[in-house]
Protein backbone atom coordinates (compact mmCIF):
# COMPACT_ATOMS: atom_id res chain seq x y z
CA MET A 1 103.09 -22.99 -36.34
CA ASN A 2 102.00 -26.52 -35.54
CA HIS A 3 98.72 -28.04 -36.68
CA LYS A 4 97.24 -28.03 -33.17
CA THR A 5 97.83 -24.31 -32.75
CA LEU A 6 96.53 -23.53 -36.23
CA LEU A 7 93.35 -25.47 -35.43
CA LYS A 8 92.81 -23.41 -32.29
CA LEU A 9 93.47 -20.12 -34.06
CA SER A 10 90.98 -21.03 -36.79
CA GLU A 11 88.32 -20.44 -34.12
CA PRO A 12 88.72 -16.72 -33.32
CA TYR A 13 86.12 -16.57 -30.56
CA MET A 14 87.19 -19.37 -28.25
CA ALA A 15 87.72 -17.09 -25.23
CA TYR A 16 87.40 -13.42 -24.37
CA ALA A 17 91.01 -12.33 -23.78
CA TYR A 18 90.81 -9.02 -21.96
CA SER A 19 92.88 -9.42 -18.79
CA TYR A 20 95.79 -11.50 -17.63
CA PRO A 21 95.55 -13.51 -15.56
CA HIS A 22 91.77 -13.91 -15.63
CA LYS A 23 89.98 -13.87 -12.27
CA THR A 24 89.10 -17.55 -12.70
CA ALA A 25 92.84 -18.21 -12.20
CA TYR A 26 92.79 -16.50 -8.79
CA ARG A 27 92.86 -18.70 -5.70
CA TYR A 28 92.67 -18.17 -1.95
CA PHE A 29 96.06 -17.76 -0.31
CA ASP A 30 97.24 -20.10 2.43
CA GLU A 31 97.61 -17.02 4.64
CA PRO A 32 96.09 -13.57 4.10
CA ILE A 33 98.49 -10.79 3.04
CA ASP A 34 98.52 -7.30 4.56
CA ILE A 35 97.78 -4.53 2.07
CA GLU A 36 100.53 -2.39 3.55
CA GLU A 37 103.03 -5.16 2.84
CA ILE A 38 101.75 -5.56 -0.73
CA TRP A 39 102.20 -1.91 -1.64
CA LYS A 40 105.24 -0.84 0.38
CA SER A 41 107.75 -1.45 -2.42
CA GLU A 42 105.48 -0.29 -5.26
CA SER A 43 105.61 3.04 -7.04
CA LYS A 44 102.57 5.05 -5.91
CA GLU A 45 103.12 8.30 -7.80
CA SER A 46 100.64 7.64 -10.60
CA LEU A 47 98.08 5.05 -9.56
CA PHE A 48 94.79 4.13 -11.17
CA LEU A 49 91.75 4.23 -8.86
CA TYR A 50 88.83 1.96 -9.71
CA PHE A 51 85.45 1.79 -7.95
CA HIS A 52 83.19 -1.17 -8.62
CA ILE A 53 79.39 -0.81 -8.33
CA PRO A 54 77.84 -4.28 -8.79
CA PHE A 55 74.26 -3.16 -9.48
CA CYS A 56 72.12 -3.15 -12.64
CA GLU A 57 68.49 -2.60 -13.56
CA MET A 58 68.57 -5.90 -15.48
CA ARG A 59 70.93 -8.80 -16.10
CA CYS A 60 71.70 -8.96 -19.82
CA GLY A 61 71.65 -12.42 -21.37
CA PHE A 62 75.31 -12.24 -22.44
CA CYS A 63 76.63 -10.75 -19.19
CA ASN A 64 79.01 -12.67 -16.95
CA LEU A 65 80.18 -9.65 -15.00
CA PHE A 66 80.06 -9.52 -11.21
CA THR A 67 76.73 -7.73 -10.77
CA THR A 68 73.22 -8.18 -9.41
CA ALA A 69 69.92 -6.84 -10.76
CA HIS A 70 67.38 -4.78 -8.80
CA PRO A 71 69.21 -4.65 -5.46
CA PRO A 72 67.02 -3.33 -2.63
CA GLU A 73 67.84 0.09 -1.20
CA GLN A 74 69.13 -1.45 2.01
CA MET A 75 71.69 -3.51 0.07
CA GLN A 76 72.89 -0.40 -1.77
CA GLU A 77 73.19 1.58 1.47
CA ARG A 78 75.16 -1.18 3.21
CA TYR A 79 77.39 -1.57 0.17
CA MET A 80 78.19 2.15 -0.01
CA SER A 81 79.03 2.20 3.71
CA ALA A 82 81.38 -0.76 3.23
CA LEU A 83 82.96 0.89 0.19
CA GLU A 84 83.63 4.01 2.25
CA LEU A 85 85.10 1.96 5.10
CA GLN A 86 87.32 0.01 2.70
CA SER A 87 88.50 3.28 1.16
CA LYS A 88 89.57 4.68 4.53
CA VAL A 89 91.41 1.48 5.43
CA VAL A 90 93.16 1.19 2.06
CA VAL A 91 94.28 4.82 1.99
CA LYS A 92 95.87 4.47 5.41
CA ALA A 93 97.62 1.25 4.39
CA LEU A 94 98.88 2.72 1.10
CA GLY A 95 100.58 5.67 2.71
CA ARG A 96 101.63 8.51 0.44
CA ALA A 97 100.00 7.94 -2.96
CA SER A 98 98.61 9.94 -5.85
CA PHE A 99 96.07 8.98 -8.51
CA SER A 100 96.34 9.99 -12.14
CA ARG A 101 93.31 8.08 -13.42
CA MET A 102 89.93 7.05 -12.06
CA ALA A 103 87.17 4.82 -13.39
CA ILE A 104 83.80 3.77 -12.04
CA GLY A 105 82.51 0.50 -13.43
CA GLY A 106 80.19 -2.34 -12.67
CA GLY A 107 77.53 -3.39 -13.14
CA THR A 108 76.02 -0.06 -13.97
CA PRO A 109 77.30 2.67 -11.62
CA THR A 110 74.48 5.01 -12.60
CA TYR A 111 72.01 2.53 -11.19
CA LEU A 112 72.82 4.34 -7.93
CA ASP A 113 70.62 7.33 -7.23
CA ALA A 114 72.07 10.83 -7.43
CA GLN A 115 72.72 10.99 -3.68
CA HIS A 116 74.75 7.76 -3.70
CA LEU A 117 76.66 8.94 -6.77
CA GLU A 118 77.47 12.18 -4.98
CA ARG A 119 78.68 10.17 -2.00
CA LEU A 120 80.91 8.10 -4.28
CA PHE A 121 82.62 11.20 -5.66
CA LEU A 122 83.09 12.57 -2.16
CA ILE A 123 84.84 9.32 -1.19
CA ALA A 124 87.18 9.82 -4.14
CA GLU A 125 87.79 13.49 -3.38
CA GLU A 126 87.93 13.51 0.41
CA ILE A 127 89.43 10.10 1.21
CA PHE A 128 91.66 9.44 -1.80
CA GLU A 129 92.21 13.17 -2.42
CA VAL A 130 91.48 12.84 -6.13
CA ASP A 131 91.32 16.21 -7.89
CA CYS A 132 88.35 15.54 -10.16
CA ALA A 133 88.98 18.74 -12.10
CA ALA A 134 92.45 17.55 -13.11
CA THR A 135 92.02 13.75 -13.17
CA PRO A 136 90.54 11.98 -16.22
CA ILE A 137 87.49 10.07 -14.96
CA SER A 138 85.50 7.42 -16.82
CA ILE A 139 82.11 5.97 -15.87
CA GLU A 140 79.76 3.40 -17.35
CA THR A 141 76.04 3.96 -17.79
CA SER A 142 72.98 2.49 -19.52
CA PRO A 143 70.03 3.95 -21.43
CA GLY A 144 67.63 3.41 -18.55
CA THR A 145 69.83 4.96 -15.84
CA ALA A 146 71.30 7.98 -17.65
CA THR A 147 68.88 10.49 -16.13
CA LEU A 148 69.35 14.25 -16.13
CA GLU A 149 69.80 14.33 -12.35
CA LYS A 150 72.55 11.70 -12.39
CA LEU A 151 74.28 13.14 -15.44
CA LYS A 152 74.43 16.50 -13.67
CA VAL A 153 76.31 14.85 -10.79
CA LEU A 154 78.81 13.45 -13.29
CA ARG A 155 79.26 16.82 -14.99
CA ASP A 156 79.59 18.64 -11.67
CA HIS A 157 82.52 16.35 -10.83
CA ASN A 158 84.20 16.79 -14.22
CA VAL A 159 83.73 13.26 -15.56
CA GLU A 160 85.60 13.13 -18.87
CA ARG A 161 84.32 9.89 -20.42
CA VAL A 162 80.84 8.40 -20.34
CA SER A 163 80.52 4.90 -21.78
CA ILE A 164 77.04 3.60 -22.57
CA GLY A 165 76.13 0.00 -23.33
CA VAL A 166 73.73 0.16 -26.28
CA GLN A 167 74.61 -3.19 -27.96
CA SER A 168 72.01 -2.73 -30.72
CA PHE A 169 69.63 -0.10 -32.07
CA VAL A 170 67.30 -2.87 -33.26
CA ASP A 171 64.69 -3.71 -30.63
CA ALA A 172 64.43 -7.40 -31.54
CA GLU A 173 68.20 -7.85 -31.34
CA ALA A 174 68.37 -6.12 -27.97
CA ALA A 175 65.53 -8.34 -26.73
CA SER A 176 67.41 -11.45 -27.87
CA ALA A 177 70.20 -10.41 -25.49
CA GLY A 178 67.78 -10.07 -22.58
CA ARG A 179 67.61 -6.27 -22.72
CA SER A 180 64.20 -4.65 -22.35
CA GLN A 181 65.35 -1.33 -23.87
CA ARG A 182 63.76 0.25 -26.90
CA ALA A 183 65.64 2.18 -29.57
CA LEU A 184 63.64 5.30 -28.71
CA GLU A 185 64.85 5.08 -25.10
CA VAL A 186 68.43 4.68 -26.30
CA GLU A 187 68.17 7.72 -28.57
CA GLN A 188 66.75 9.83 -25.75
CA ALA A 189 69.51 8.76 -23.36
CA LEU A 190 72.21 9.62 -25.90
CA ARG A 191 70.71 13.06 -26.46
CA ARG A 192 70.65 13.66 -22.70
CA ILE A 193 74.30 12.63 -22.37
CA ASN A 194 75.35 14.87 -25.26
CA SER A 195 73.47 17.82 -23.77
CA PHE A 196 76.06 17.87 -20.97
CA GLU A 197 78.94 18.00 -23.46
CA PHE A 198 81.16 15.37 -21.87
CA PRO A 199 84.53 15.38 -23.68
CA VAL A 200 84.29 11.68 -24.60
CA LEU A 201 81.19 9.62 -25.35
CA ASN A 202 81.77 5.90 -25.92
CA ILE A 203 79.10 3.61 -27.37
CA ASP A 204 79.32 -0.19 -26.98
CA LEU A 205 77.83 -2.40 -29.71
CA ILE A 206 77.69 -6.21 -30.01
CA TYR A 207 77.91 -8.26 -33.20
CA GLY A 208 76.62 -11.82 -33.44
CA LEU A 209 73.21 -11.30 -31.79
CA ALA A 210 70.27 -13.50 -32.72
CA GLY A 211 68.58 -12.26 -35.88
CA GLN A 212 71.38 -9.83 -36.67
CA ASP A 213 72.56 -9.61 -40.27
CA LYS A 214 74.81 -7.34 -42.30
CA GLU A 215 72.07 -4.80 -42.94
CA SER A 216 70.93 -4.52 -39.32
CA TRP A 217 74.55 -4.32 -38.13
CA LEU A 218 75.25 -1.42 -40.47
CA TYR A 219 72.01 0.19 -39.30
CA SER A 220 73.18 0.09 -35.67
CA LEU A 221 76.59 1.48 -36.64
CA GLU A 222 75.01 4.34 -38.56
CA ARG A 223 72.61 5.17 -35.76
CA ALA A 224 75.46 5.17 -33.27
CA LEU A 225 77.48 7.68 -35.29
CA GLU A 226 74.50 10.03 -35.50
CA HIS A 227 75.29 10.82 -31.85
CA ALA A 228 78.90 11.77 -32.59
CA PRO A 229 80.70 9.37 -30.23
CA ALA A 230 84.40 9.95 -29.74
CA GLU A 231 84.85 6.20 -29.22
CA VAL A 232 83.05 3.06 -30.30
CA TYR A 233 83.67 -0.43 -28.91
CA LEU A 234 82.65 -3.42 -31.02
CA TYR A 235 82.26 -6.61 -28.99
CA PRO A 236 81.76 -10.12 -30.37
CA LEU A 237 78.95 -12.01 -28.68
CA TYR A 238 80.12 -14.65 -26.25
CA VAL A 239 77.64 -17.07 -24.69
CA ARG A 240 79.28 -18.00 -21.39
CA PRO A 241 78.39 -20.35 -18.51
CA LEU A 242 75.66 -19.27 -16.06
CA THR A 243 74.52 -16.37 -18.25
CA GLY A 244 70.95 -15.98 -19.47
CA MET A 245 71.84 -16.94 -23.02
CA ALA A 246 73.63 -20.08 -21.88
CA ARG A 247 70.37 -21.28 -20.31
CA GLN A 248 68.41 -20.85 -23.53
CA ASP A 249 68.02 -23.74 -25.94
CA LYS A 250 68.89 -21.64 -28.97
CA HIS A 251 71.44 -21.60 -31.74
CA TRP A 252 73.03 -18.37 -32.91
CA SER A 253 74.23 -18.38 -36.52
CA ASP A 254 77.86 -17.24 -36.50
CA LEU A 255 78.40 -14.19 -38.67
CA ARG A 256 80.78 -12.63 -36.19
CA GLN A 257 83.91 -12.57 -38.34
CA GLU A 258 82.06 -11.09 -41.29
CA LEU A 259 80.33 -8.51 -39.10
CA TYR A 260 83.62 -7.62 -37.44
CA HIS A 261 85.22 -6.78 -40.79
CA ILE A 262 82.15 -4.81 -41.86
CA GLY A 263 82.34 -2.80 -38.65
CA CYS A 264 86.06 -2.12 -39.07
CA LEU A 265 85.65 -0.88 -42.65
CA PHE A 266 82.64 1.24 -41.75
CA LEU A 267 84.30 3.00 -38.83
CA ARG A 268 87.58 3.55 -40.68
CA SER A 269 85.65 5.12 -43.54
CA ARG A 270 84.11 7.54 -41.03
CA GLY A 271 87.47 8.69 -39.68
CA PHE A 272 87.90 6.29 -36.76
CA ARG A 273 91.26 4.81 -35.84
CA GLN A 274 91.34 1.21 -34.62
CA THR A 275 93.43 0.81 -31.47
CA SER A 276 92.62 -2.83 -30.70
CA MET A 277 90.27 -5.57 -31.84
CA ARG A 278 87.44 -3.81 -29.99
CA MET A 279 88.27 -0.13 -29.65
CA PHE A 280 87.87 2.58 -32.29
CA GLN A 281 88.62 6.25 -31.67
CA SER A 282 87.47 9.22 -33.67
CA GLU A 283 90.26 11.37 -35.08
CA ARG A 284 88.82 14.27 -33.09
CA VAL A 285 88.97 12.40 -29.76
CA ILE A 286 90.51 14.46 -26.99
CA LYS A 287 93.69 12.78 -25.85
CA SER A 288 94.14 12.85 -22.08
CA THR A 289 97.59 13.42 -20.69
CA GLY A 290 99.22 10.77 -18.54
CA PRO A 291 98.92 6.98 -18.79
CA GLN A 292 96.10 5.57 -20.88
CA TYR A 293 93.52 3.26 -19.36
CA CYS A 294 94.40 -0.39 -19.51
CA CYS A 295 93.00 -2.81 -16.96
CA GLN A 296 96.19 -4.89 -17.09
CA LYS A 297 98.53 -2.05 -16.15
CA ASP A 298 100.44 -2.03 -12.90
CA GLY A 299 99.37 0.27 -10.11
CA MET A 300 95.61 -0.13 -9.88
CA VAL A 301 93.78 0.22 -6.57
CA GLY A 302 90.38 -1.44 -6.78
CA ILE A 303 87.62 -0.62 -4.29
CA GLY A 304 84.42 -2.65 -4.09
CA ALA A 305 83.26 -6.25 -3.99
CA GLY A 306 84.18 -7.06 -7.60
CA ALA A 307 87.18 -4.76 -8.03
CA ARG A 308 90.62 -6.06 -8.91
CA SER A 309 93.87 -4.46 -7.76
CA TYR A 310 97.20 -4.79 -9.52
CA THR A 311 100.80 -4.48 -8.43
CA GLN A 312 103.93 -5.67 -10.19
CA LYS A 313 103.84 -9.09 -8.55
CA LEU A 314 100.31 -9.55 -7.22
CA HIS A 315 96.79 -9.28 -8.59
CA TYR A 316 93.98 -9.59 -6.06
CA ALA A 317 90.24 -9.25 -5.59
CA VAL A 318 87.53 -10.16 -3.10
CA ASP A 319 86.06 -13.08 -5.07
CA PHE A 320 84.38 -13.87 -8.38
CA ALA A 321 80.98 -15.25 -9.32
CA VAL A 322 78.38 -15.01 -12.07
CA GLY A 323 75.30 -16.76 -10.67
CA ALA A 324 72.79 -14.49 -8.94
CA GLU A 325 72.84 -16.28 -5.58
CA ALA A 326 76.64 -16.42 -5.37
CA VAL A 327 77.02 -12.76 -6.38
CA ARG A 328 74.60 -11.57 -3.70
CA SER A 329 76.30 -13.73 -1.10
CA ILE A 330 79.66 -12.14 -1.88
CA ILE A 331 78.17 -8.63 -1.79
CA ASP A 332 76.59 -9.39 1.59
CA ARG A 333 79.88 -10.67 3.00
CA TYR A 334 81.73 -7.65 1.64
CA SER A 335 79.18 -5.29 3.16
CA ASP A 336 79.64 -6.94 6.57
CA ASN A 337 83.44 -6.68 6.54
CA SER A 338 85.20 -5.00 9.44
CA ALA A 339 88.12 -2.60 9.07
CA ASP A 340 90.50 -5.42 10.04
CA GLU A 341 89.17 -7.62 7.25
CA PHE A 342 89.73 -4.83 4.69
CA LEU A 343 93.35 -4.61 5.82
CA ARG A 344 94.13 -8.01 4.35
CA VAL A 345 93.96 -9.71 0.97
CA TYR A 346 92.70 -13.28 0.78
CA ASN A 347 92.31 -14.11 -2.91
CA GLY A 348 94.46 -13.46 -5.97
CA PHE A 349 97.35 -14.51 -8.18
CA GLN A 350 101.05 -14.02 -7.51
CA LEU A 351 103.08 -13.36 -10.66
CA ASN A 352 106.60 -14.72 -10.93
CA VAL A 353 108.90 -13.12 -13.48
CA HIS A 354 107.68 -15.42 -16.28
CA GLU A 355 104.05 -14.42 -15.65
CA GLN A 356 105.07 -10.76 -15.54
CA GLN A 357 106.74 -11.20 -18.92
CA ARG A 358 103.64 -12.82 -20.40
CA ARG A 359 101.42 -10.05 -19.05
CA VAL A 360 103.54 -7.33 -20.63
CA ILE A 361 103.59 -9.18 -23.95
CA ILE A 362 99.82 -9.79 -23.91
CA GLN A 363 98.80 -6.28 -22.90
CA SER A 364 101.12 -4.82 -25.54
CA LEU A 365 100.54 -7.21 -28.43
CA LEU A 366 96.74 -7.01 -28.23
CA GLN A 367 96.96 -3.25 -28.80
CA MET A 368 97.64 -1.86 -32.26
CA GLU A 369 100.91 -0.21 -31.21
CA GLY A 370 102.33 -3.64 -30.41
CA LEU A 371 105.25 -4.77 -28.27
CA ALA A 372 108.35 -2.56 -28.09
CA VAL A 373 111.13 -5.15 -28.09
CA GLY A 374 113.76 -2.74 -26.74
CA GLU A 375 111.59 -1.63 -23.83
CA TYR A 376 110.90 -5.26 -23.00
CA ARG A 377 114.63 -6.07 -22.99
CA ALA A 378 115.36 -3.03 -20.82
CA ARG A 379 112.79 -4.18 -18.29
CA PHE A 380 113.52 -7.90 -18.16
CA GLY A 381 117.07 -8.15 -19.49
CA SER A 382 116.07 -10.75 -22.07
CA SER A 383 114.54 -11.17 -25.52
CA ALA A 384 110.76 -11.45 -25.80
CA LEU A 385 111.20 -13.85 -28.73
CA ASP A 386 113.34 -16.11 -26.56
CA ASP A 387 111.11 -15.83 -23.50
CA LEU A 388 107.94 -16.63 -25.46
CA PRO A 389 108.76 -18.63 -28.62
CA PHE A 390 105.09 -18.53 -29.68
CA LEU A 391 105.84 -14.98 -30.88
CA ASN A 392 108.07 -16.50 -33.56
CA GLU A 393 105.17 -18.67 -34.69
CA LEU A 394 102.97 -15.59 -34.99
CA LEU A 395 105.63 -13.87 -37.08
CA ASN A 396 106.17 -16.91 -39.32
CA SER A 397 102.43 -17.36 -39.88
CA GLY A 398 101.84 -13.73 -40.87
CA LEU A 399 99.64 -13.01 -37.84
CA ALA A 400 102.30 -10.61 -36.55
CA ALA A 401 105.10 -8.59 -38.12
CA LEU A 402 108.37 -7.10 -36.89
CA ASP A 403 108.80 -3.47 -37.91
CA GLY A 404 112.01 -2.00 -36.56
CA ASP A 405 111.82 -2.43 -32.81
CA THR A 406 108.12 -3.34 -32.66
CA ILE A 407 106.23 -6.60 -32.94
CA ALA A 408 102.62 -5.90 -33.87
CA LEU A 409 99.71 -8.00 -35.02
CA THR A 410 98.82 -7.77 -38.69
CA GLU A 411 95.26 -6.93 -39.72
CA HIS A 412 94.43 -10.63 -39.74
CA GLY A 413 96.15 -11.06 -36.39
CA VAL A 414 94.12 -8.26 -34.81
CA ALA A 415 90.92 -9.99 -35.93
CA MET A 416 92.20 -13.12 -34.16
CA SER A 417 93.17 -11.28 -30.96
CA ASP A 418 91.02 -13.33 -28.59
CA ALA A 419 92.41 -16.64 -29.87
CA ILE A 420 95.98 -15.32 -29.89
CA GLY A 421 95.62 -13.84 -26.43
CA PHE A 422 94.46 -17.14 -24.98
CA GLU A 423 97.33 -19.01 -26.66
CA LEU A 424 99.72 -16.60 -24.95
CA TYR A 425 98.43 -17.60 -21.50
CA SER A 426 100.77 -19.80 -19.49
CA ASP A 427 99.98 -23.47 -18.95
CA CYS A 428 99.57 -22.71 -15.24
CA VAL A 429 96.92 -20.03 -15.87
CA LYS A 430 95.10 -22.20 -18.40
CA ARG A 431 95.04 -25.08 -15.92
CA LEU A 432 93.68 -22.92 -13.10
CA MET A 433 91.02 -21.46 -15.38
CA ALA A 434 89.99 -24.96 -16.52
CA GLN A 435 89.78 -26.15 -12.90
CA TYR A 436 87.68 -23.20 -11.78
CA GLU A 437 84.16 -24.20 -10.78
CA SER A 438 81.65 -21.64 -12.00
CA LYS A 439 79.34 -20.27 -9.34
């Protein structure tokens, strides 16, 4: 591995590698593409359905997601009407299709009131013909929006997995991230969620917050496990452009690597299995049948202003923004769309075979199970090590290992996943991301 690459990989938190290509690499097409044309040659027997709700009760200081805080009721009503219209248009364009997975993300989907949530499930059931009783469904929530009335709607529609963003059980740490929550409120929300006995509770925590140290990090981990989550996600803090934290004149001491290793050891000692840099599953977690959730997988139909859709050769979305004004402008335009406008795709990234190869390698290597070399060869008719020589550098440096037919990151490699993931991006994607003007 050359000196330049080693230098980059010595900084494990250079970029948050969680999808490929990133939306900042998307661009507007010269001519819009019909959805029917996009999907006509795709397999539609086991699709993933994703609804995006871009609303929150607050904008966290670290958040660069496509969302807006405190939307007025009229904005929510217009958005839900547009989401329903888009659903009808997309279903007709897709033709015969079935959905084996469904997720509702945001934003905070449970910011919607119970009536809007009910409407969302009816869209899934009546328009997309999703059998909620037989389809694993995941939804995101927050301490302030996980009310009994809303949780009952989720339970009535057989939601399997509820994921709650806690981030920290220490009030001062939460406040440093721009969250007004109190630990007492978090505890109450978790008890309410558990009272409905959802099969999977996931708790998100962040390491690297201002004022956080080893003791307070362990305290948050211990408090989280008191609520018996089936999954825990540990996220490193990233301070990204146009977020609240980026506008503050503060310095965060970097304990992230140390806290990451503390979190890994703690959760493993409590019977959790690490499946990626971020995800930890309890040994008692209920395994759903069918394909596992992965936002980079083929066959995702995204509905909503910030939703992405994936096919073998094309990834597309409405648009992307972080700043409050730009986000609301995009939501307003989306809500005004006609049926004809929902029939076409205007913005995205077309993947040639080399980009398809990179995506398969990235989405496989950044998971603990690694890249199955034989499956890769069967799909592309070539060697992954030849197609992406950087894999050889990872093997030679000890960041990855070849075990039989599988290339997987070593323990040190997993800790460096974000840096490795970014190094696996193509020069084209890196250039487009660098040229993107934040808005």
